[in-house]
N, C-alpha and C. Protein backbone atom coordinates (compact mmCIF):
# COMPACT_ATOMS: atom_id res chain seq x y z
N MET A 1 0.86 -1.18 0.00
CA MET A 1 0.00 0.00 0.00
C MET A 1 0.90 1.24 0.00
N ASN A 2 0.72 2.10 -0.97
CA ASN A 2 1.55 3.30 -1.02
C ASN A 2 0.98 4.39 -0.10
N THR A 3 1.70 5.50 0.01
CA THR A 3 1.32 6.55 0.94
C THR A 3 -0.07 7.10 0.67
N SER A 4 -0.42 7.33 -0.58
CA SER A 4 -1.73 7.89 -0.88
C SER A 4 -2.85 6.90 -0.52
N GLU A 5 -2.61 5.59 -0.68
CA GLU A 5 -3.61 4.60 -0.28
C GLU A 5 -3.78 4.57 1.23
N LYS A 6 -2.70 4.74 1.99
CA LYS A 6 -2.77 4.75 3.44
C LYS A 6 -3.61 5.91 3.95
N GLU A 7 -3.58 7.03 3.24
CA GLU A 7 -4.36 8.19 3.63
C GLU A 7 -5.86 7.93 3.51
N LEU A 8 -6.25 6.93 2.75
CA LEU A 8 -7.65 6.63 2.51
C LEU A 8 -8.20 5.59 3.49
N VAL A 9 -7.41 5.23 4.49
CA VAL A 9 -7.75 4.16 5.42
C VAL A 9 -7.55 4.61 6.86
N ARG A 10 -8.47 4.21 7.75
CA ARG A 10 -8.33 4.46 9.19
C ARG A 10 -8.62 3.15 9.90
N ARG A 11 -7.76 2.77 10.81
CA ARG A 11 -7.96 1.56 11.62
C ARG A 11 -8.47 2.01 12.98
N ILE A 12 -9.60 1.48 13.41
CA ILE A 12 -10.19 1.89 14.68
C ILE A 12 -10.65 0.68 15.48
N SER A 13 -10.86 0.92 16.76
CA SER A 13 -11.40 -0.10 17.65
C SER A 13 -12.76 0.38 18.14
N ILE A 14 -13.72 -0.52 18.19
CA ILE A 14 -15.05 -0.19 18.70
C ILE A 14 -14.95 -0.11 20.22
N ILE A 15 -15.27 1.06 20.80
CA ILE A 15 -15.08 1.25 22.24
C ILE A 15 -16.37 1.32 23.05
N ASN A 16 -17.50 1.50 22.40
CA ASN A 16 -18.73 1.62 23.17
C ASN A 16 -19.20 0.25 23.65
N GLU A 17 -19.86 0.24 24.79
CA GLU A 17 -20.25 -0.99 25.48
C GLU A 17 -21.09 -1.93 24.62
N LEU A 18 -22.00 -1.39 23.83
CA LEU A 18 -22.92 -2.23 23.06
C LEU A 18 -22.40 -2.58 21.67
N GLY A 19 -21.20 -2.13 21.35
CA GLY A 19 -20.62 -2.43 20.05
C GLY A 19 -21.29 -1.66 18.93
N LEU A 20 -21.12 -2.17 17.75
CA LEU A 20 -21.64 -1.50 16.55
C LEU A 20 -23.05 -2.01 16.27
N HIS A 21 -24.02 -1.49 17.05
CA HIS A 21 -25.41 -1.90 16.91
C HIS A 21 -26.15 -0.94 15.98
N ALA A 22 -27.47 -1.00 15.96
CA ALA A 22 -28.26 -0.29 14.95
C ALA A 22 -28.06 1.23 14.97
N ARG A 23 -28.05 1.86 16.15
CA ARG A 23 -27.93 3.32 16.18
C ARG A 23 -26.59 3.79 15.63
N PRO A 24 -25.45 3.24 16.09
CA PRO A 24 -24.18 3.65 15.49
C PRO A 24 -24.10 3.32 14.00
N ALA A 25 -24.66 2.18 13.60
CA ALA A 25 -24.66 1.83 12.17
C ALA A 25 -25.42 2.87 11.37
N ALA A 26 -26.53 3.35 11.91
CA ALA A 26 -27.31 4.38 11.22
C ALA A 26 -26.53 5.69 11.12
N LEU A 27 -25.78 6.03 12.16
CA LEU A 27 -24.96 7.25 12.13
C LEU A 27 -23.87 7.15 11.07
N ILE A 28 -23.22 6.00 11.01
CA ILE A 28 -22.18 5.78 10.00
C ILE A 28 -22.80 5.85 8.60
N SER A 29 -23.91 5.17 8.42
CA SER A 29 -24.58 5.15 7.12
C SER A 29 -24.95 6.56 6.66
N LYS A 30 -25.47 7.35 7.57
CA LYS A 30 -25.86 8.72 7.24
C LYS A 30 -24.66 9.53 6.75
N LEU A 31 -23.53 9.42 7.44
CA LEU A 31 -22.33 10.13 7.01
C LEU A 31 -21.83 9.59 5.67
N ALA A 32 -21.80 8.27 5.53
CA ALA A 32 -21.28 7.64 4.31
C ALA A 32 -22.10 8.02 3.08
N LYS A 33 -23.39 8.24 3.28
CA LYS A 33 -24.25 8.61 2.15
C LYS A 33 -23.91 10.00 1.59
N ASN A 34 -23.17 10.80 2.36
CA ASN A 34 -22.74 12.12 1.89
C ASN A 34 -21.47 12.05 1.05
N ALA A 35 -20.86 10.89 0.97
CA ALA A 35 -19.61 10.73 0.22
C ALA A 35 -19.89 10.76 -1.29
N LYS A 36 -18.91 11.23 -2.03
CA LYS A 36 -19.01 11.25 -3.49
C LYS A 36 -18.71 9.87 -4.08
N TYR A 37 -17.86 9.12 -3.37
CA TYR A 37 -17.44 7.80 -3.83
C TYR A 37 -17.76 6.78 -2.74
N ASN A 38 -17.30 5.56 -2.91
CA ASN A 38 -17.61 4.49 -1.96
C ASN A 38 -16.87 4.65 -0.63
N VAL A 39 -17.59 4.28 0.44
CA VAL A 39 -17.02 4.20 1.79
C VAL A 39 -17.23 2.76 2.24
N TRP A 40 -16.18 2.17 2.80
CA TRP A 40 -16.20 0.76 3.17
C TRP A 40 -15.84 0.57 4.63
N ILE A 41 -16.35 -0.51 5.20
CA ILE A 41 -15.91 -0.97 6.51
C ILE A 41 -15.41 -2.39 6.32
N VAL A 42 -14.22 -2.66 6.84
CA VAL A 42 -13.61 -3.97 6.69
C VAL A 42 -13.36 -4.56 8.07
N ARG A 43 -13.82 -5.80 8.26
CA ARG A 43 -13.52 -6.56 9.47
C ARG A 43 -12.97 -7.90 9.02
N ASP A 44 -11.77 -8.19 9.44
CA ASP A 44 -11.07 -9.39 8.97
C ASP A 44 -11.03 -9.33 7.45
N LYS A 45 -11.64 -10.26 6.77
CA LYS A 45 -11.60 -10.25 5.30
C LYS A 45 -12.92 -9.84 4.69
N GLU A 46 -13.86 -9.43 5.53
CA GLU A 46 -15.19 -9.04 5.04
C GLU A 46 -15.25 -7.52 4.85
N LYS A 47 -15.62 -7.09 3.67
CA LYS A 47 -15.69 -5.68 3.31
C LYS A 47 -17.13 -5.34 2.96
N VAL A 48 -17.71 -4.35 3.66
CA VAL A 48 -19.11 -4.00 3.43
C VAL A 48 -19.26 -2.52 3.10
N ASP A 49 -20.35 -2.22 2.44
CA ASP A 49 -20.72 -0.86 2.07
C ASP A 49 -21.17 -0.11 3.32
N ALA A 50 -20.50 0.98 3.64
CA ALA A 50 -20.81 1.75 4.85
C ALA A 50 -22.11 2.53 4.75
N THR A 51 -22.74 2.56 3.59
CA THR A 51 -24.04 3.23 3.49
C THR A 51 -25.18 2.29 3.88
N SER A 52 -24.89 1.01 4.02
CA SER A 52 -25.91 0.01 4.31
C SER A 52 -25.89 -0.38 5.79
N ILE A 53 -26.94 -0.03 6.51
CA ILE A 53 -27.04 -0.39 7.92
C ILE A 53 -27.00 -1.91 8.08
N ILE A 54 -27.71 -2.62 7.25
CA ILE A 54 -27.74 -4.09 7.32
C ILE A 54 -26.34 -4.67 7.11
N ASP A 55 -25.62 -4.15 6.12
CA ASP A 55 -24.26 -4.64 5.87
C ASP A 55 -23.36 -4.39 7.08
N ILE A 56 -23.48 -3.20 7.67
CA ILE A 56 -22.66 -2.87 8.85
C ILE A 56 -22.99 -3.83 9.99
N LEU A 57 -24.27 -4.05 10.24
CA LEU A 57 -24.68 -4.95 11.32
C LEU A 57 -24.21 -6.38 11.08
N SER A 58 -24.10 -6.78 9.82
CA SER A 58 -23.67 -8.15 9.50
C SER A 58 -22.24 -8.42 9.95
N LEU A 59 -21.47 -7.38 10.21
CA LEU A 59 -20.09 -7.56 10.68
C LEU A 59 -20.03 -8.00 12.15
N ALA A 60 -21.12 -7.82 12.88
CA ALA A 60 -21.22 -8.23 14.30
C ALA A 60 -20.02 -7.73 15.11
N CYS A 61 -19.83 -6.43 15.14
CA CYS A 61 -18.70 -5.83 15.84
C CYS A 61 -19.05 -5.54 17.30
N LEU A 62 -18.50 -6.31 18.19
CA LEU A 62 -18.67 -6.11 19.62
C LEU A 62 -17.63 -5.11 20.12
N LYS A 63 -17.77 -4.70 21.37
CA LYS A 63 -16.77 -3.82 21.96
C LYS A 63 -15.40 -4.48 21.85
N GLY A 64 -14.40 -3.71 21.43
CA GLY A 64 -13.05 -4.22 21.27
C GLY A 64 -12.72 -4.71 19.86
N THR A 65 -13.71 -4.80 19.00
CA THR A 65 -13.48 -5.25 17.62
C THR A 65 -12.67 -4.21 16.87
N GLU A 66 -11.67 -4.66 16.15
CA GLU A 66 -10.86 -3.80 15.29
C GLU A 66 -11.46 -3.81 13.88
N ILE A 67 -11.71 -2.62 13.34
CA ILE A 67 -12.21 -2.51 11.97
C ILE A 67 -11.38 -1.50 11.21
N THR A 68 -11.51 -1.54 9.91
CA THR A 68 -10.83 -0.58 9.04
C THR A 68 -11.90 0.18 8.26
N LEU A 69 -11.79 1.49 8.27
CA LEU A 69 -12.64 2.36 7.46
C LEU A 69 -11.84 2.74 6.24
N GLN A 70 -12.49 2.75 5.09
CA GLN A 70 -11.78 3.01 3.84
C GLN A 70 -12.65 3.80 2.88
N VAL A 71 -12.06 4.76 2.21
CA VAL A 71 -12.75 5.49 1.15
C VAL A 71 -12.01 5.25 -0.16
N ASP A 72 -12.73 5.37 -1.27
CA ASP A 72 -12.13 5.11 -2.57
C ASP A 72 -11.40 6.32 -3.16
N ASP A 73 -11.66 7.51 -2.64
CA ASP A 73 -11.08 8.71 -3.24
C ASP A 73 -10.79 9.77 -2.17
N ARG A 74 -9.74 10.53 -2.39
CA ARG A 74 -9.36 11.60 -1.45
C ARG A 74 -10.47 12.63 -1.25
N ALA A 75 -11.36 12.74 -2.19
CA ALA A 75 -12.46 13.70 -2.07
C ALA A 75 -13.31 13.42 -0.83
N ASP A 76 -13.24 12.20 -0.31
CA ASP A 76 -14.06 11.80 0.83
C ASP A 76 -13.27 11.65 2.14
N ILE A 77 -12.09 12.23 2.19
CA ILE A 77 -11.28 12.16 3.42
C ILE A 77 -12.05 12.77 4.60
N ASP A 78 -12.80 13.85 4.36
CA ASP A 78 -13.55 14.47 5.45
C ASP A 78 -14.60 13.52 6.01
N ILE A 79 -15.24 12.73 5.16
CA ILE A 79 -16.22 11.74 5.60
C ILE A 79 -15.51 10.68 6.44
N LEU A 80 -14.36 10.22 5.97
CA LEU A 80 -13.56 9.24 6.69
C LEU A 80 -13.19 9.77 8.08
N ASP A 81 -12.77 11.01 8.14
CA ASP A 81 -12.40 11.62 9.41
C ASP A 81 -13.60 11.77 10.34
N GLN A 82 -14.76 12.11 9.80
CA GLN A 82 -15.97 12.26 10.62
C GLN A 82 -16.41 10.93 11.21
N ILE A 83 -16.37 9.87 10.42
CA ILE A 83 -16.75 8.55 10.92
C ILE A 83 -15.75 8.09 11.97
N THR A 84 -14.46 8.33 11.73
CA THR A 84 -13.43 7.96 12.69
C THR A 84 -13.65 8.69 14.01
N ALA A 85 -13.89 9.98 13.96
CA ALA A 85 -14.12 10.77 15.18
C ALA A 85 -15.35 10.26 15.93
N LEU A 86 -16.38 9.92 15.20
CA LEU A 86 -17.60 9.39 15.82
C LEU A 86 -17.31 8.09 16.56
N ALA A 87 -16.57 7.21 15.93
CA ALA A 87 -16.21 5.93 16.56
C ALA A 87 -15.32 6.15 17.78
N GLU A 88 -14.40 7.11 17.69
CA GLU A 88 -13.49 7.39 18.81
C GLU A 88 -14.21 7.97 20.02
N THR A 89 -15.41 8.50 19.83
CA THR A 89 -16.21 9.00 20.95
C THR A 89 -17.19 7.94 21.45
N GLY A 90 -17.09 6.72 20.92
CA GLY A 90 -18.03 5.68 21.31
C GLY A 90 -19.42 5.94 20.77
N PHE A 91 -19.49 6.63 19.63
CA PHE A 91 -20.74 6.99 18.98
C PHE A 91 -21.62 7.84 19.92
N LYS A 92 -20.94 8.56 20.80
CA LYS A 92 -21.59 9.50 21.74
C LYS A 92 -22.61 8.81 22.65
N GLU A 93 -22.38 7.53 22.90
CA GLU A 93 -23.25 6.81 23.82
C GLU A 93 -22.69 6.91 25.23
N LYS A 94 -23.55 6.92 26.21
CA LYS A 94 -23.13 6.94 27.61
C LYS A 94 -22.56 5.58 27.96
N SER A 95 -21.51 5.60 28.77
CA SER A 95 -20.97 4.33 29.24
C SER A 95 -21.86 3.80 30.37
N SER A 96 -21.70 2.53 30.69
CA SER A 96 -22.56 1.92 31.70
C SER A 96 -22.37 2.55 33.08
N GLY A 97 -21.26 3.26 33.29
CA GLY A 97 -20.99 3.90 34.58
C GLY A 97 -21.62 5.26 34.73
N GLU A 98 -22.28 5.78 33.71
CA GLU A 98 -22.85 7.13 33.79
C GLU A 98 -24.32 7.10 34.16
């Protein structure tokens, strides 16, 4: 993977208690639908369309799951960054201790 390809990829860990369930999947899908090109989520060897809530849920990402976010074109780096930031905040869900 060359430098420009690396810029199109973000590796993240799911940190929220309930994992990547329907609400976070809907948030990702909503952001991905604003992209000009394809946005992907990869878990292990399975690659799914980030605009599809069903496809995202099919990955069965529990807390601690490592996934890769990927866009097909630099034009969508901002979308990639927004999804990454959302995941890094635990999809803005309260933790069980709150």
